[in-house]
Amino acid sequence: MARLYRRTDYCFEIYQARDGWRWRCCAGNHRIVADSGQSYTRKSHAIRAAMTLHEVASHAEIFVAPTTTGRKARATRKEPTR
């Protein structure tokens, strides 16, 4: 397993799976916080994809998607009756 770009407590790992090469980003507690979602036929392609994410992630916008119903989510908690 190759480790790339150790940055604070996060790292990108490149590994070979049954279906090809993949990458995953792990936090300091060794939990996976992101993965490639697809396999790559070449190790170099998986490395390139991880490097691209590493380069652009700090500039990415955070977008909160609307709920599936298209309306704002409402709390379903009921107030106690008096």
C-alpha atoms as a PDB file:
ATOM      1  CA  MET A   1       0.000   0.000   0.000  1.00  0.00           C
ATOM      2  CA  ALA A   2       1.519   3.312  -1.055  1.00  0.00           C
ATOM      3  CA  ARG A   3       0.981   6.410   1.075  1.00  0.00           C
ATOM      4  CA  LEU A   4       0.841   9.786  -0.604  1.00  0.00           C
ATOM      5  CA  TYR A   5       0.814  13.321   0.712  1.00  0.00           C
ATOM      6  CA  ARG A   6       0.810  12.971   4.474  1.00  0.00           C
ATOM      7  CA  ARG A   7      -0.798  16.234   5.513  1.00  0.00           C
ATOM      8  CA  THR A   8      -1.523  16.759   9.203  1.00  0.00           C
ATOM      9  CA  ASP A   9      -3.474  13.700  10.284  1.00  0.00           C
ATOM     10  CA  TYR A  10      -4.888  12.821   6.865  1.00  0.00           C
ATOM     11  CA  CYS A  11      -3.306  10.739   4.133  1.00  0.00           C
ATOM     12  CA  PHE A  12      -4.184   9.317   0.730  1.00  0.00           C
ATOM     13  CA  GLU A  13      -3.648   5.600   0.304  1.00  0.00           C
ATOM     14  CA  ILE A  14      -3.384   3.859  -3.051  1.00  0.00           C
ATOM     15  CA  TYR A  15      -4.217   0.159  -2.966  1.00  0.00           C
ATOM     16  CA  GLN A  16      -4.955  -2.719  -5.297  1.00  0.00           C
ATOM     17  CA  ALA A  17      -8.467  -4.134  -5.050  1.00  0.00           C
ATOM     18  CA  ARG A  18      -9.981  -7.126  -6.860  1.00  0.00           C
ATOM     19  CA  ASP A  19     -11.291  -4.856  -9.620  1.00  0.00           C
ATOM     20  CA  GLY A  20      -8.207  -2.647 -10.074  1.00  0.00           C
ATOM     21  CA  TRP A  21      -6.453   0.213  -8.321  1.00  0.00           C
ATOM     22  CA  ARG A  22      -8.262   2.539  -5.912  1.00  0.00           C
ATOM     23  CA  TRP A  23      -7.470   5.412  -3.561  1.00  0.00           C
ATOM     24  CA  ARG A  24      -8.879   6.374  -0.174  1.00  0.00           C
ATOM     25  CA  CYS A  25      -8.356   9.286   2.169  1.00  0.00           C
ATOM     26  CA  CYS A  26      -7.926   8.327   5.817  1.00  0.00           C
ATOM     27  CA  ALA A  27      -8.131  10.507   8.911  1.00  0.00           C
ATOM     28  CA  GLY A  28      -5.720  10.375  11.831  1.00  0.00           C
ATOM     29  CA  ASN A  29      -7.944   7.840  13.577  1.00  0.00           C
ATOM     30  CA  HIS A  30      -7.520   5.516  10.545  1.00  0.00           C
ATOM     31  CA  ARG A  31     -11.117   5.903   9.445  1.00  0.00           C
ATOM     32  CA  ILE A  32     -11.847   6.328   5.748  1.00  0.00           C
ATOM     33  CA  VAL A  33     -13.314   9.764   5.028  1.00  0.00           C
ATOM     34  CA  ALA A  34     -13.359   9.523   1.210  1.00  0.00           C
ATOM     35  CA  ASP A  35     -12.702   6.940  -1.469  1.00  0.00           C
ATOM     36  CA  SER A  36     -12.321   6.774  -5.214  1.00  0.00           C
ATOM     37  CA  GLY A  37     -15.766   5.323  -5.864  1.00  0.00           C
ATOM     38  CA  GLN A  38     -14.361   3.601  -8.933  1.00  0.00           C
ATOM     39  CA  SER A  39     -11.420   1.433  -9.837  1.00  0.00           C
ATOM     40  CA  TYR A  40      -8.582   2.348 -12.166  1.00  0.00           C
ATOM     41  CA  THR A  41      -6.899  -0.112 -14.507  1.00  0.00           C
ATOM     42  CA  ARG A  42      -3.495   1.454 -13.870  1.00  0.00           C
ATOM     43  CA  LYS A  43      -1.876   2.377 -10.597  1.00  0.00           C
ATOM     44  CA  SER A  44      -0.653   5.631 -12.133  1.00  0.00           C
ATOM     45  CA  HIS A  45      -4.243   6.667 -12.897  1.00  0.00           C
ATOM     46  CA  ALA A  46      -5.298   6.106  -9.282  1.00  0.00           C
ATOM     47  CA  ILE A  47      -2.299   8.137  -8.103  1.00  0.00           C
ATOM     48  CA  ARG A  48      -3.129  10.929 -10.530  1.00  0.00           C
ATOM     49  CA  ALA A  49      -6.762  11.023  -9.345  1.00  0.00           C
ATOM     50  CA  ALA A  50      -5.673  11.220  -5.689  1.00  0.00           C
ATOM     51  CA  MET A  51      -3.164  13.962  -6.522  1.00  0.00           C
ATOM     52  CA  THR A  52      -5.839  15.946  -8.362  1.00  0.00           C
ATOM     53  CA  LEU A  53      -8.201  15.745  -5.399  1.00  0.00           C
ATOM     54  CA  HIS A  54      -5.396  16.710  -3.045  1.00  0.00           C
ATOM     55  CA  GLU A  55      -4.607  19.794  -5.126  1.00  0.00           C
ATOM     56  CA  VAL A  56      -8.153  21.074  -5.605  1.00  0.00           C
ATOM     57  CA  ALA A  57      -9.913  20.058  -2.370  1.00  0.00           C
ATOM     58  CA  SER A  58      -8.834  23.102  -0.374  1.00  0.00           C
ATOM     59  CA  HIS A  59     -10.401  25.379  -3.010  1.00  0.00           C
ATOM     60  CA  ALA A  60     -13.680  23.478  -3.336  1.00  0.00           C
ATOM     61  CA  GLU A  61     -16.963  25.070  -2.325  1.00  0.00           C
ATOM     62  CA  ILE A  62     -19.192  23.389   0.204  1.00  0.00           C
ATOM     63  CA  PHE A  63     -22.673  22.899  -1.193  1.00  0.00           C
ATOM     64  CA  VAL A  64     -25.614  21.709   0.873  1.00  0.00           C
ATOM     65  CA  ALA A  65     -28.028  19.895  -1.409  1.00  0.00           C
ATOM     66  CA  PRO A  66     -31.765  20.459  -0.994  1.00  0.00           C
ATOM     67  CA  THR A  67     -33.844  17.746   0.632  1.00  0.00           C
ATOM     68  CA  THR A  68     -35.330  15.072  -1.593  1.00  0.00           C
ATOM     69  CA  THR A  69     -38.786  16.602  -1.293  1.00  0.00           C
ATOM     70  CA  GLY A  70     -37.520  19.988  -2.436  1.00  0.00           C
ATOM     71  CA  ARG A  71     -38.669  21.608   0.820  1.00  0.00           C
ATOM     72  CA  LYS A  72     -36.720  22.628   3.862  1.00  0.00           C
ATOM     73  CA  ALA A  73     -36.463  19.910   6.444  1.00  0.00           C
ATOM     74  CA  ARG A  74     -38.627  20.516   9.502  1.00  0.00           C
ATOM     75  CA  ALA A  75     -38.264  19.142  12.978  1.00  0.00           C
ATOM     76  CA  THR A  76     -40.831  16.470  13.709  1.00  0.00           C
ATOM     77  CA  ARG A  77     -40.617  16.786  17.465  1.00  0.00           C
ATOM     78  CA  LYS A  78     -43.987  17.387  19.067  1.00  0.00           C
ATOM     79  CA  GLU A  79     -44.460  19.838  21.896  1.00  0.00           C
ATOM     80  CA  PRO A  80     -45.850  18.324  25.091  1.00  0.00           C
ATOM     81  CA  THR A  81     -49.573  18.886  25.578  1.00  0.00           C
ATOM     82  CA  ARG A  82     -50.683  20.888  28.598  1.00  0.00           C
END
